[in-house]
Structures are given as C-alpha cells and as structure tokens.
C-alpha cells in the first residue's frame, strides 16, 4: 500500500525486500567471521558484487486510506492469472488472505509498522486486506472464477505463528474450510 512508483509486478520494492527478509543474500549483516576485519572485507565485496540490490528505504509516515494504483494493479494481475489459467484449461479458485487479526488490531504492536507493509500501521493492515479480499471476490465473480470465502473469525490467535502464518492447527482448520468448495470445483 502506498509504495511510491509501484510497478505491476511489485518487483521494485517487494521482490527486493524478500531477499533480506528471507535472509537469502550470500553475505550480509548476519555473516560474521573470526576476524572483524575479514567480516568488513566480506561485506564490502558482497556490496560490490551482489547483483540483487536492496529496496530503497521509504522514509514516509504511515498512511491511511485507499491506494487506487495498488488496487488497479491488483485487479489487473488477478485478471491476468485468470486469463492464463483459462487459456490452459485450468479452473481458477481464489481464496482471500487470512491474517491473525487479533494480533494486528489488539496486540501491543498495533501502532507499529511492519517491514512487509512499511506504510501501514499494524492496526490498519486487516481493513486494507479485507478490502482487497472484497475486490478479489467481486472480480472472481465477474470472471466466472470461484471464490472460496474463508471467514477470519474462524481462526484464533493460537492458530498462527505470528500475524500472518499458520501453525499446524490453523493450517488444518484452513484446509478443512476450503476442502469442500475446492472438491466441488474440481468435479
């Protein structure tokens, strides 16, 4: 949301941020050697040779409200995925994203900003995502795709590892909730 110069593939910011968020850079801040001088040297060489540049820092306060550019790109990408699947004879089934809403809205970090969405406070993430899920539901209907509505209220904080990733009980619950609609769509 609100990322300046957002590109259609979200690659200029999100893709670049994945490298460091997932700690897959060859050498980085986590790399340490027995010699502080060697550590500095390795980091310098890495900075000169690593072709994956980190995303630019966004120095802006958190924002509230819609992001028409993101919404347009999001719907464009949904239509593209649906069209590619249809061209291949594949039925598209959409499922909106589910988050640990209690942690985002009521947690002690509710007013903080997470690096994954650097221009939204945690408490504002779910309303935005809920809106995107609604857009996805409407677009799926217009494309004659299937949208499986999974209510976020079916999940408890204990179903999540953090604010967005399921633990085993949450994964099982999610699988149970989508199993029947997916099976019906595959007949």
C-alpha atoms as a PDB file:
ATOM      1  CA  UNK A   1       0.000   0.000   0.000  1.00  0.00           C
ATOM      2  CA  UNK A   2       1.135   3.460  -0.944  1.00  0.00           C
ATOM      3  CA  UNK A   3       4.575   2.315  -2.154  1.00  0.00           C
ATOM      4  CA  UNK A   4       5.908   5.095  -4.390  1.00  0.00           C
ATOM      5  CA  UNK A   5       6.404   4.122  -8.041  1.00  0.00           C
ATOM      6  CA  UNK A   6       4.713   0.748  -7.547  1.00  0.00           C
ATOM      7  CA  UNK A   7       5.306  -1.411 -10.605  1.00  0.00           C
ATOM      8  CA  UNK A   8       2.878  -4.033 -11.973  1.00  0.00           C
ATOM      9  CA  UNK A   9       4.862  -6.990 -10.606  1.00  0.00           C
ATOM     10  CA  UNK A  10       5.610  -5.336  -7.239  1.00  0.00           C
ATOM     11  CA  UNK A  11       9.249  -6.137  -8.043  1.00  0.00           C
ATOM     12  CA  UNK A  12      10.951  -2.816  -7.329  1.00  0.00           C
ATOM     13  CA  UNK A  13      10.126  -2.984  -3.640  1.00  0.00           C
ATOM     14  CA  UNK A  14       8.536  -6.255  -2.534  1.00  0.00           C
ATOM     15  CA  UNK A  15      10.674  -8.657  -4.556  1.00  0.00           C
ATOM     16  CA  UNK A  16      13.874  -6.904  -3.487  1.00  0.00           C
ATOM     17  CA  UNK A  17      12.725  -6.860   0.142  1.00  0.00           C
ATOM     18  CA  UNK A  18      12.191 -10.649   0.025  1.00  0.00           C
ATOM     19  CA  UNK A  19      15.924 -11.301  -0.336  1.00  0.00           C
ATOM     20  CA  UNK A  20      16.790  -9.737   3.004  1.00  0.00           C
ATOM     21  CA  UNK A  21      13.553 -10.635   4.785  1.00  0.00           C
ATOM     22  CA  UNK A  22      14.136 -14.291   3.974  1.00  0.00           C
ATOM     23  CA  UNK A  23      17.875 -13.961   4.681  1.00  0.00           C
ATOM     24  CA  UNK A  24      18.985 -15.446   1.370  1.00  0.00           C
ATOM     25  CA  UNK A  25      21.665 -12.913   0.493  1.00  0.00           C
ATOM     26  CA  UNK A  26      25.033 -14.630   0.153  1.00  0.00           C
ATOM     27  CA  UNK A  27      26.718 -12.369   2.686  1.00  0.00           C
ATOM     28  CA  UNK A  28      25.002  -9.835   4.815  1.00  0.00           C
ATOM     29  CA  UNK A  29      24.670  -8.461   8.274  1.00  0.00           C
ATOM     30  CA  UNK A  30      24.232 -11.975   9.713  1.00  0.00           C
ATOM     31  CA  UNK A  31      27.577 -13.096   8.274  1.00  0.00           C
ATOM     32  CA  UNK A  32      30.406 -12.980  10.797  1.00  0.00           C
ATOM     33  CA  UNK A  33      33.930 -14.310  10.747  1.00  0.00           C
ATOM     34  CA  UNK A  34      36.502 -14.806  13.441  1.00  0.00           C
ATOM     35  CA  UNK A  35      38.120 -11.554  12.354  1.00  0.00           C
ATOM     36  CA  UNK A  36      36.253  -8.227  12.402  1.00  0.00           C
ATOM     37  CA  UNK A  37      38.470  -7.056   9.526  1.00  0.00           C
ATOM     38  CA  UNK A  38      37.533 -10.142   7.472  1.00  0.00           C
ATOM     39  CA  UNK A  39      33.847  -9.528   8.209  1.00  0.00           C
ATOM     40  CA  UNK A  40      34.121  -5.935   6.950  1.00  0.00           C
ATOM     41  CA  UNK A  41      36.038  -7.060   3.860  1.00  0.00           C
ATOM     42  CA  UNK A  42      33.473  -9.768   3.005  1.00  0.00           C
ATOM     43  CA  UNK A  43      30.618  -7.285   3.384  1.00  0.00           C
ATOM     44  CA  UNK A  44      32.388  -4.800   1.088  1.00  0.00           C
ATOM     45  CA  UNK A  45      32.985  -7.444  -1.562  1.00  0.00           C
ATOM     46  CA  UNK A  46      29.361  -8.515  -1.256  1.00  0.00           C
ATOM     47  CA  UNK A  47      28.160  -4.934  -1.717  1.00  0.00           C
ATOM     48  CA  UNK A  48      30.241  -4.616  -4.906  1.00  0.00           C
ATOM     49  CA  UNK A  49      29.344  -8.000  -6.397  1.00  0.00           C
ATOM     50  CA  UNK A  50      25.811  -8.787  -5.253  1.00  0.00           C
ATOM     51  CA  UNK A  51      23.509  -8.092  -8.185  1.00  0.00           C
ATOM     52  CA  UNK A  52      20.374  -8.012  -6.032  1.00  0.00           C
ATOM     53  CA  UNK A  53      20.172  -4.505  -4.687  1.00  0.00           C
ATOM     54  CA  UNK A  54      18.184  -3.916  -1.518  1.00  0.00           C
ATOM     55  CA  UNK A  55      14.946  -1.961  -1.872  1.00  0.00           C
ATOM     56  CA  UNK A  56      15.209   1.742  -1.395  1.00  0.00           C
ATOM     57  CA  UNK A  57      14.318   2.975   2.050  1.00  0.00           C
ATOM     58  CA  UNK A  58      10.892   4.557   2.298  1.00  0.00           C
ATOM     59  CA  UNK A  59      11.026   7.486   4.673  1.00  0.00           C
ATOM     60  CA  UNK A  60       7.389   8.358   4.973  1.00  0.00           C
ATOM     61  CA  UNK A  61       4.915   8.234   7.831  1.00  0.00           C
ATOM     62  CA  UNK A  62       2.250   5.507   7.810  1.00  0.00           C
ATOM     63  CA  UNK A  63      -0.739   6.264   5.612  1.00  0.00           C
ATOM     64  CA  UNK A  64      -4.450   5.553   5.811  1.00  0.00           C
ATOM     65  CA  UNK A  65      -6.942   5.277   3.006  1.00  0.00           C
ATOM     66  CA  UNK A  66      -7.205   3.635  -0.374  1.00  0.00           C
ATOM     67  CA  UNK A  67      -4.377   3.274  -2.850  1.00  0.00           C
ATOM     68  CA  UNK A  68      -6.016   3.391  -6.307  1.00  0.00           C
ATOM     69  CA  UNK A  69      -2.759   2.459  -8.091  1.00  0.00           C
ATOM     70  CA  UNK A  70      -2.340  -0.699  -5.991  1.00  0.00           C
ATOM     71  CA  UNK A  71      -5.988  -1.663  -6.452  1.00  0.00           C
ATOM     72  CA  UNK A  72      -5.770  -1.237 -10.234  1.00  0.00           C
ATOM     73  CA  UNK A  73      -2.568  -3.300 -10.442  1.00  0.00           C
ATOM     74  CA  UNK A  74      -4.002  -5.941  -8.105  1.00  0.00           C
ATOM     75  CA  UNK A  75      -7.124  -6.389 -10.233  1.00  0.00           C
ATOM     76  CA  UNK A  76      -5.033  -6.354 -13.435  1.00  0.00           C
ATOM     77  CA  UNK A  77      -2.897  -9.163 -12.011  1.00  0.00           C
ATOM     78  CA  UNK A  78      -5.971 -11.137 -10.917  1.00  0.00           C
ATOM     79  CA  UNK A  79      -7.401 -10.863 -14.438  1.00  0.00           C
ATOM     80  CA  UNK A  80      -4.053 -11.908 -15.944  1.00  0.00           C
ATOM     81  CA  UNK A  81      -3.804 -15.000 -13.743  1.00  0.00           C
ATOM     82  CA  UNK A  82      -7.394 -15.953 -14.522  1.00  0.00           C
ATOM     83  CA  UNK A  83      -6.871 -15.466 -18.263  1.00  0.00           C
ATOM     84  CA  UNK A  84      -3.645 -17.519 -18.289  1.00  0.00           C
ATOM     85  CA  UNK A  85      -5.355 -20.317 -16.390  1.00  0.00           C
ATOM     86  CA  UNK A  86      -8.404 -20.242 -18.664  1.00  0.00           C
ATOM     87  CA  UNK A  87      -6.164 -20.372 -21.758  1.00  0.00           C
ATOM     88  CA  UNK A  88      -4.622 -23.555 -20.323  1.00  0.00           C
ATOM     89  CA  UNK A  89      -7.977 -25.099 -19.428  1.00  0.00           C
ATOM     90  CA  UNK A  90      -7.419 -24.603 -15.680  1.00  0.00           C
ATOM     91  CA  UNK A  91     -10.269 -23.541 -13.397  1.00  0.00           C
ATOM     92  CA  UNK A  92      -9.180 -20.698 -11.109  1.00  0.00           C
ATOM     93  CA  UNK A  93     -10.073 -20.888  -7.430  1.00  0.00           C
ATOM     94  CA  UNK A  94      -9.399 -17.777  -5.365  1.00  0.00           C
ATOM     95  CA  UNK A  95      -9.112 -17.668  -1.580  1.00  0.00           C
ATOM     96  CA  UNK A  96      -8.728 -14.341   0.189  1.00  0.00           C
ATOM     97  CA  UNK A  97      -5.825 -13.934   2.552  1.00  0.00           C
ATOM     98  CA  UNK A  98      -6.358 -14.593   6.249  1.00  0.00           C
ATOM     99  CA  UNK A  99      -4.347 -12.895   8.978  1.00  0.00           C
ATOM    100  CA  UNK A 100      -4.145 -13.004  12.752  1.00  0.00           C
ATOM    101  CA  UNK A 101      -6.487 -10.039  13.112  1.00  0.00           C
ATOM    102  CA  UNK A 102      -6.399 -10.100  16.914  1.00  0.00           C
ATOM    103  CA  UNK A 103      -2.636  -9.618  16.959  1.00  0.00           C
ATOM    104  CA  UNK A 104      -2.738  -6.856  14.354  1.00  0.00           C
ATOM    105  CA  UNK A 105      -5.610  -4.886  15.863  1.00  0.00           C
ATOM    106  CA  UNK A 106      -5.292  -5.569  19.586  1.00  0.00           C
ATOM    107  CA  UNK A 107      -1.644  -6.524  20.066  1.00  0.00           C
ATOM    108  CA  UNK A 108       0.876  -4.327  21.798  1.00  0.00           C
ATOM    109  CA  UNK A 109       2.427  -3.549  18.387  1.00  0.00           C
ATOM    110  CA  UNK A 110      -0.846  -2.337  16.853  1.00  0.00           C
ATOM    111  CA  UNK A 111       0.526   1.169  16.216  1.00  0.00           C
ATOM    112  CA  UNK A 112       3.861  -0.100  14.849  1.00  0.00           C
ATOM    113  CA  UNK A 113       4.800  -0.546  11.208  1.00  0.00           C
ATOM    114  CA  UNK A 114       5.932  -3.921   9.872  1.00  0.00           C
ATOM    115  CA  UNK A 115       8.657  -4.012   7.215  1.00  0.00           C
ATOM    116  CA  UNK A 116       6.433  -6.108   4.919  1.00  0.00           C
ATOM    117  CA  UNK A 117       3.977  -3.215   4.626  1.00  0.00           C
ATOM    118  CA  UNK A 118       6.118  -0.219   5.523  1.00  0.00           C
ATOM    119  CA  UNK A 119       3.454   2.441   5.068  1.00  0.00           C
ATOM    120  CA  UNK A 120       0.693   0.874   7.160  1.00  0.00           C
ATOM    121  CA  UNK A 121       0.323   0.567  10.911  1.00  0.00           C
ATOM    122  CA  UNK A 122      -0.424  -2.990  12.003  1.00  0.00           C
ATOM    123  CA  UNK A 123      -3.944  -1.993  13.064  1.00  0.00           C
ATOM    124  CA  UNK A 124      -4.632  -0.747   9.508  1.00  0.00           C
ATOM    125  CA  UNK A 125      -3.423  -3.882   7.707  1.00  0.00           C
ATOM    126  CA  UNK A 126      -6.553  -6.003   8.134  1.00  0.00           C
ATOM    127  CA  UNK A 127      -9.033  -3.335   6.941  1.00  0.00           C
ATOM    128  CA  UNK A 128      -6.910  -2.879   3.807  1.00  0.00           C
ATOM    129  CA  UNK A 129      -6.553  -6.608   3.216  1.00  0.00           C
ATOM    130  CA  UNK A 130     -10.248  -7.175   3.875  1.00  0.00           C
ATOM    131  CA  UNK A 131     -10.983  -4.566   1.194  1.00  0.00           C
ATOM    132  CA  UNK A 132      -8.623  -6.314  -1.247  1.00  0.00           C
ATOM    133  CA  UNK A 133     -10.334  -9.634  -0.445  1.00  0.00           C
ATOM    134  CA  UNK A 134     -13.684  -7.984  -1.278  1.00  0.00           C
ATOM    135  CA  UNK A 135     -12.277  -6.718  -4.580  1.00  0.00           C
ATOM    136  CA  UNK A 136     -10.984 -10.226  -5.294  1.00  0.00           C
ATOM    137  CA  UNK A 137     -14.399 -11.753  -4.540  1.00  0.00           C
ATOM    138  CA  UNK A 138     -16.122  -9.301  -6.921  1.00  0.00           C
ATOM    139  CA  UNK A 139     -13.536  -9.777  -9.667  1.00  0.00           C
ATOM    140  CA  UNK A 140     -13.714 -13.562  -9.355  1.00  0.00           C
ATOM    141  CA  UNK A 141     -17.489 -13.384  -9.851  1.00  0.00           C
ATOM    142  CA  UNK A 142     -17.119 -11.164 -12.924  1.00  0.00           C
ATOM    143  CA  UNK A 143     -14.553 -13.595 -14.382  1.00  0.00           C
ATOM    144  CA  UNK A 144     -16.724 -16.635 -13.611  1.00  0.00           C
ATOM    145  CA  UNK A 145     -13.959 -17.927 -11.329  1.00  0.00           C
ATOM    146  CA  UNK A 146     -14.564 -19.479  -7.933  1.00  0.00           C
ATOM    147  CA  UNK A 147     -14.019 -17.533  -4.747  1.00  0.00           C
ATOM    148  CA  UNK A 148     -13.881 -19.516  -1.512  1.00  0.00           C
ATOM    149  CA  UNK A 149     -14.900 -17.295   1.376  1.00  0.00           C
ATOM    150  CA  UNK A 150     -12.933 -18.256   4.472  1.00  0.00           C
ATOM    151  CA  UNK A 151     -14.085 -16.195   7.460  1.00  0.00           C
ATOM    152  CA  UNK A 152     -11.225 -14.783   9.503  1.00  0.00           C
ATOM    153  CA  UNK A 153     -13.450 -15.214  12.557  1.00  0.00           C
ATOM    154  CA  UNK A 154     -12.972 -18.986  12.247  1.00  0.00           C
ATOM    155  CA  UNK A 155      -9.392 -18.528  13.493  1.00  0.00           C
ATOM    156  CA  UNK A 156      -7.944 -17.788  16.903  1.00  0.00           C
ATOM    157  CA  UNK A 157      -4.539 -16.293  17.725  1.00  0.00           C
ATOM    158  CA  UNK A 158      -3.412 -19.812  18.697  1.00  0.00           C
ATOM    159  CA  UNK A 159      -3.858 -20.832  15.029  1.00  0.00           C
ATOM    160  CA  UNK A 160      -1.000 -18.536  13.991  1.00  0.00           C
ATOM    161  CA  UNK A 161       2.754 -18.456  14.406  1.00  0.00           C
ATOM    162  CA  UNK A 162       2.776 -14.677  14.019  1.00  0.00           C
ATOM    163  CA  UNK A 163       0.460 -12.157  12.395  1.00  0.00           C
ATOM    164  CA  UNK A 164       0.183 -14.000   9.097  1.00  0.00           C
ATOM    165  CA  UNK A 165       1.495 -17.563   9.120  1.00  0.00           C
ATOM    166  CA  UNK A 166      -0.463 -20.564  10.311  1.00  0.00           C
ATOM    167  CA  UNK A 167       0.689 -23.068  12.863  1.00  0.00           C
ATOM    168  CA  UNK A 168      -0.332 -26.690  12.248  1.00  0.00           C
ATOM    169  CA  UNK A 169      -3.780 -26.281  13.898  1.00  0.00           C
ATOM    170  CA  UNK A 170      -4.512 -23.213  11.757  1.00  0.00           C
ATOM    171  CA  UNK A 171      -3.353 -24.992   8.606  1.00  0.00           C
ATOM    172  CA  UNK A 172      -5.627 -27.953   9.355  1.00  0.00           C
ATOM    173  CA  UNK A 173      -8.566 -25.634  10.042  1.00  0.00           C
ATOM    174  CA  UNK A 174      -7.895 -23.708   6.820  1.00  0.00           C
ATOM    175  CA  UNK A 175      -7.670 -26.956   4.822  1.00  0.00           C
ATOM    176  CA  UNK A 176     -10.973 -28.182   6.293  1.00  0.00           C
ATOM    177  CA  UNK A 177     -12.678 -24.876   5.420  1.00  0.00           C
ATOM    178  CA  UNK A 178     -11.611 -24.917   1.769  1.00  0.00           C
ATOM    179  CA  UNK A 179     -11.717 -28.682   1.114  1.00  0.00           C
ATOM    180  CA  UNK A 180     -15.375 -28.987   0.154  1.00  0.00           C
ATOM    181  CA  UNK A 181     -15.581 -25.931  -2.128  1.00  0.00           C
ATOM    182  CA  UNK A 182     -12.329 -26.927  -3.850  1.00  0.00           C
ATOM    183  CA  UNK A 183     -13.531 -30.512  -4.295  1.00  0.00           C
ATOM    184  CA  UNK A 184     -16.837 -29.255  -5.749  1.00  0.00           C
ATOM    185  CA  UNK A 185     -14.966 -27.018  -8.199  1.00  0.00           C
ATOM    186  CA  UNK A 186     -12.799 -29.867  -9.376  1.00  0.00           C
ATOM    187  CA  UNK A 187     -15.698 -32.117 -10.386  1.00  0.00           C
END
